[in-house]
Protein backbone atom coordinates (compact mmCIF):
# COMPACT_ATOMS: atom_id res chain seq x y z
CA MET A 1 76.16 110.40 113.36
CA LYS A 2 78.63 108.22 115.23
CA ALA A 3 81.57 106.73 113.32
CA LEU A 4 83.94 104.12 114.73
CA ILE A 5 87.47 104.66 113.41
CA ILE A 6 89.87 101.72 113.64
CA SER A 7 93.11 100.60 112.03
CA ASP A 8 95.84 97.96 112.18
CA ILE A 9 93.70 95.08 113.40
CA HIS A 10 96.40 92.58 112.43
CA ALA A 11 94.31 89.42 112.69
CA ASN A 12 93.39 90.23 116.31
CA ILE A 13 89.70 89.37 116.59
CA CYS A 14 89.87 89.60 120.39
CA ALA A 15 90.75 93.30 120.30
CA LEU A 16 88.22 93.99 117.56
CA GLU A 17 85.37 92.35 119.47
CA ALA A 18 86.33 94.22 122.65
CA VAL A 19 86.15 97.53 120.79
CA TRP A 20 82.80 96.65 119.25
CA LYS A 21 81.37 95.67 122.63
CA GLN A 22 82.06 99.25 123.74
CA GLU A 23 80.95 100.97 120.53
CA LYS A 24 78.20 98.85 119.00
CA ASP A 25 75.93 101.90 118.76
CA SER A 26 78.16 103.22 115.95
CA ASP A 27 76.39 104.09 112.70
CA LYS A 28 79.43 103.56 110.46
CA ILE A 29 82.76 101.75 110.74
CA TYR A 30 85.91 102.92 108.96
CA CYS A 31 89.12 100.88 108.98
CA ALA A 32 92.39 102.39 107.73
CA GLY A 33 93.96 99.09 106.69
CA ASP A 34 96.11 96.19 107.87
CA LEU A 35 93.30 93.79 108.69
CA VAL A 36 95.64 90.78 108.66
CA ASP A 37 99.17 89.51 109.42
CA CYS A 38 101.05 89.62 112.75
CA GLY A 39 98.19 87.83 114.49
CA PRO A 40 96.39 84.46 114.42
CA TYR A 41 92.79 85.27 113.42
CA SER A 42 92.84 86.69 109.90
CA LYS A 43 89.80 84.67 108.75
CA GLU A 44 87.73 85.91 111.66
CA VAL A 45 88.70 89.55 111.16
CA ILE A 46 87.83 89.46 107.45
CA ALA A 47 84.47 87.84 108.24
CA TRP A 48 83.79 90.50 110.89
CA MET A 49 84.55 93.35 108.50
CA ALA A 50 82.28 91.88 105.83
CA ALA A 51 79.45 91.18 108.28
CA HIS A 52 79.57 94.71 109.70
CA GLN A 53 79.94 96.36 106.27
CA ALA A 54 83.02 98.23 107.42
CA VAL A 55 84.50 100.72 104.95
CA CYS A 56 88.13 99.62 104.61
CA VAL A 57 91.25 100.50 102.68
CA LYS A 58 94.15 98.19 101.90
CA GLY A 59 97.22 98.24 104.13
CA ASN A 60 100.75 97.11 103.36
CA HIS A 61 100.26 93.91 105.37
CA ASP A 62 97.02 93.12 103.53
CA GLN A 63 98.90 93.42 100.25
CA ALA A 64 101.76 91.29 101.57
CA VAL A 65 99.41 88.46 102.58
CA VAL A 66 97.76 88.55 99.15
CA ALA A 67 101.18 88.38 97.47
CA ALA A 68 102.24 85.46 99.68
CA TYR A 69 99.03 83.60 98.87
CA ARG A 70 99.34 84.20 95.14
CA GLY A 71 102.91 82.91 95.24
CA ARG A 72 102.10 80.11 97.64
CA GLY A 73 104.44 77.72 95.90
CA HIS A 74 107.03 79.41 98.11
CA LEU A 75 105.07 78.75 101.33
CA PRO A 76 106.45 76.03 103.64
CA ALA A 77 104.85 72.65 103.02
CA VAL A 78 105.01 71.82 106.73
CA ALA A 79 103.43 74.06 109.36
CA VAL A 80 106.62 74.63 111.33
CA ASP A 81 108.98 77.60 111.72
CA ARG A 82 106.54 79.76 109.80
CA SER A 83 106.32 83.55 109.75
CA TRP A 84 103.10 85.38 110.56
CA LEU A 85 102.81 86.14 106.85
CA GLU A 86 103.11 82.50 105.82
CA TRP A 87 100.63 81.40 108.48
CA ASN A 88 98.05 84.01 107.50
CA ALA A 89 98.38 83.25 103.79
CA ALA A 90 98.04 79.50 104.41
CA GLN A 91 94.81 79.79 106.39
CA LEU A 92 92.91 82.04 103.97
CA SER A 93 90.65 80.91 101.14
CA GLU A 94 90.36 82.34 97.64
CA ILE A 95 87.21 84.21 98.71
CA GLU A 96 89.01 85.86 101.63
CA ILE A 97 92.01 86.75 99.50
CA ALA A 98 89.65 88.29 96.94
CA PHE A 99 88.14 90.39 99.74
CA LEU A 100 91.58 91.78 100.57
CA GLU A 101 92.48 92.27 96.91
CA GLN A 102 89.41 94.36 96.16
CA LEU A 103 90.05 96.80 99.00
CA PRO A 104 90.83 100.25 97.57
CA GLU A 105 94.06 102.10 98.31
CA LYS A 106 92.07 105.17 99.34
CA GLN A 107 88.51 106.06 100.22
CA ALA A 108 86.88 109.51 100.18
CA PHE A 109 83.68 110.15 102.11
CA GLU A 110 81.75 112.83 103.97
CA LEU A 111 80.47 112.79 107.54
CA ASP A 112 78.45 115.54 109.17
CA GLY A 113 79.53 118.13 106.61
CA ILE A 114 83.24 117.23 106.88
CA GLU A 115 85.22 115.82 103.95
CA TYR A 116 87.51 112.86 104.67
CA CYS A 117 90.08 110.96 102.67
CA MET A 118 91.31 107.68 104.18
CA GLN A 119 94.52 105.90 103.20
CA HIS A 120 96.64 103.45 105.17
CA MET A 121 99.76 105.59 105.34
CA TYR A 122 101.35 108.81 104.14
CA LYS A 123 105.01 108.00 103.38
CA GLY A 124 106.14 105.19 105.63
CA TYR A 125 106.26 106.56 109.16
CA SER A 126 106.57 110.17 108.01
CA THR A 127 103.76 112.59 108.83
CA ILE A 128 102.26 115.67 107.23
CA GLU A 129 103.73 118.69 109.00
CA SER A 130 102.45 121.65 106.99
CA ARG A 131 99.41 123.04 105.22
CA HIS A 132 101.33 122.81 101.93
CA GLN A 133 101.96 119.08 102.39
CA PHE A 134 98.31 118.60 103.28
CA GLU A 135 97.12 120.43 100.15
CA GLN A 136 99.48 118.51 97.87
CA PHE A 137 98.45 115.17 99.30
CA TRP A 138 94.76 116.08 99.18
CA LEU A 139 95.03 117.00 95.49
CA GLU A 140 96.69 113.66 94.75
CA GLN A 141 94.20 111.58 96.70
CA VAL A 142 90.91 113.14 95.67
CA GLU A 143 92.24 113.74 92.14
CA GLU A 144 91.24 117.37 91.93
CA LYS A 145 92.60 118.97 88.78
CA GLU A 146 93.48 122.21 90.55
CA HIS A 147 93.31 123.85 93.94
CA THR A 148 89.77 124.82 94.88
CA GLU A 149 88.35 126.62 97.86
CA HIS A 150 86.63 124.18 100.19
CA ALA A 151 83.54 125.24 102.10
CA CYS A 152 83.77 122.14 104.30
CA PRO A 153 86.49 121.21 106.80
CA ARG A 154 88.82 118.49 105.52
CA ARG A 155 90.47 115.60 107.32
CA LEU A 156 92.96 112.96 106.24
CA LEU A 157 92.69 109.62 108.00
CA PHE A 158 95.74 107.34 108.30
CA GLY A 159 96.76 104.17 110.10
CA HIS A 160 100.13 102.34 109.92
CA THR A 161 102.00 103.96 112.84
CA HIS A 162 99.86 102.24 115.52
CA TYR A 163 99.86 105.46 117.56
CA GLN A 164 96.93 107.78 118.16
CA SER A 165 97.26 111.36 117.02
CA VAL A 166 95.45 114.40 115.69
CA HIS A 167 97.55 117.03 113.91
CA TRP A 168 96.08 120.35 112.85
CA VAL A 169 97.71 122.06 109.85
CA GLY A 170 95.08 124.77 109.33
CA ASN A 171 91.90 126.16 110.83
CA HIS A 172 89.81 123.55 109.03
CA GLU A 173 92.41 120.95 108.00
CA LEU A 174 93.86 118.10 110.03
CA TRP A 175 95.01 114.54 109.80
CA LEU A 176 94.20 111.88 112.36
CA ASN A 177 95.27 108.38 113.29
CA PRO A 178 93.12 106.13 115.51
CA GLY A 179 96.11 104.08 116.66
CA GLY A 180 96.61 100.33 116.46
CA CYS A 181 93.71 98.14 117.47
CA SER A 182 96.07 95.21 118.00
CA TYR A 183 99.54 96.11 119.27
CA ARG A 184 101.97 99.01 119.70
CA ALA A 185 104.79 99.22 117.20
CA ASN A 186 108.54 99.27 117.77
CA ARG A 187 109.17 102.47 115.79
CA GLN A 188 112.33 103.58 117.54
CA ARG A 189 113.93 100.21 116.80
CA GLY A 190 115.32 99.94 120.31
CA GLU A 191 115.27 96.62 122.17
CA ARG A 192 114.09 93.87 119.84
CA PHE A 193 110.28 93.84 119.37
CA VAL A 194 109.69 95.87 122.55
CA PRO A 195 106.93 98.45 121.82
CA ASP A 196 107.61 102.14 122.34
CA GLU A 197 104.93 102.34 125.03
CA PRO A 198 103.71 99.75 127.56
CA SER A 199 99.95 99.85 126.86
CA LYS A 200 98.57 96.68 125.26
CA ASP A 201 94.99 97.95 125.13
CA ALA A 202 93.11 98.19 121.85
CA HIS A 203 93.33 101.80 120.64
CA TYR A 204 90.75 103.46 118.40
CA MET A 205 88.70 106.64 117.94
CA THR A 206 85.10 107.66 117.61
CA ILE A 207 83.80 110.68 115.73
CA VAL A 208 80.37 111.89 116.86
CA ASP A 209 78.90 114.85 114.97
CA GLY A 210 82.44 115.81 113.94
CA TYR A 211 83.92 115.57 117.46
CA ILE A 212 86.99 113.29 117.66
CA GLU A 213 87.58 111.25 120.81
CA PHE A 214 90.65 109.12 121.60
CA LYS A 215 89.65 105.80 123.15
CA SER A 216 91.09 102.47 124.30
CA VAL A 217 89.80 99.28 125.85
CA ALA A 218 91.53 96.50 127.77
CA TYR A 219 90.91 92.91 126.66
CA SER A 220 92.14 89.40 127.38
CA ARG A 221 95.07 88.35 125.19
CA LYS A 222 95.35 84.78 126.48
CA LYS A 223 93.56 83.30 123.46
CA LEU A 224 95.96 85.11 121.12
CA MET A 225 99.06 83.86 122.90
CA THR A 226 97.76 80.29 122.98
CA ALA A 227 97.00 80.39 119.26
CA ALA A 228 100.44 81.81 118.49
CA LEU A 229 102.14 79.03 120.43
CA ASP A 230 100.10 76.42 118.53
CA GLY A 231 100.56 77.99 115.10
CA GLY A 232 103.87 76.52 114.03
CA LEU A 233 105.60 79.90 114.17
CA GLY A 234 109.36 80.21 114.15
CA ALA A 235 111.19 81.27 117.31
CA GLU A 236 111.53 84.88 116.15
CA TYR A 237 107.77 85.21 115.73
CA ILE A 238 107.01 83.50 119.03
CA GLU A 239 109.24 86.10 120.68
CA GLN A 240 107.33 88.82 118.86
CA ALA A 241 104.00 87.35 119.98
CA TYR A 242 105.22 87.38 123.57
CA HIS A 243 105.78 91.15 123.40
CA PHE A 244 102.46 91.70 121.62
CA PHE A 245 100.12 89.47 123.60
CA ASN A 246 101.62 88.21 126.85
């Protein structure tokens, strides 16, 4: 069994299609949230996820776009000086918003005898550092009434940070993050919008028969930058797009 693990697409259909070109022999697709916002192609990303029957959970940006759409009386009447959020909400239909709304907060599944629980994030940018934290979070997510002995290995799957990682907390317990398919984040809050690392490739993971592999693929970002410049974004968001896509 080959599973494609992606997260934080952020309306970047170019990155998503580049990943799929490399991994189209995947049997299953799992996305750890943030399909939309901070990019120009939210409609296309939602359509892609639906067409490929990807198993997705809801990210904080997905929820924010839904909230902006539902309160669209506050959206600018003129397509100028908009935020990414306002632009994404304005271009989506009721059907697409309903797709985002129905995404679950968490998703439990099994692959190759390994139990997984997928959720967009742990607690902001914090990570699980101990077996105790892992056990507590697992109990909350899979809604077990009490601690039980697990015959199968267990893995938590997160997105949100945009950085690839695998962190073992026990012999059979770990959490993993496939990284951001779209852009690197500015977690250290240093120079404005400048990512913490220079790579602009699409980051993701594959899991084949339980074996995790870190992967990335380069892709053309010209279409994204052109769309951003034509999208009526405010100056702050154009600057952000420059760091993401130029």
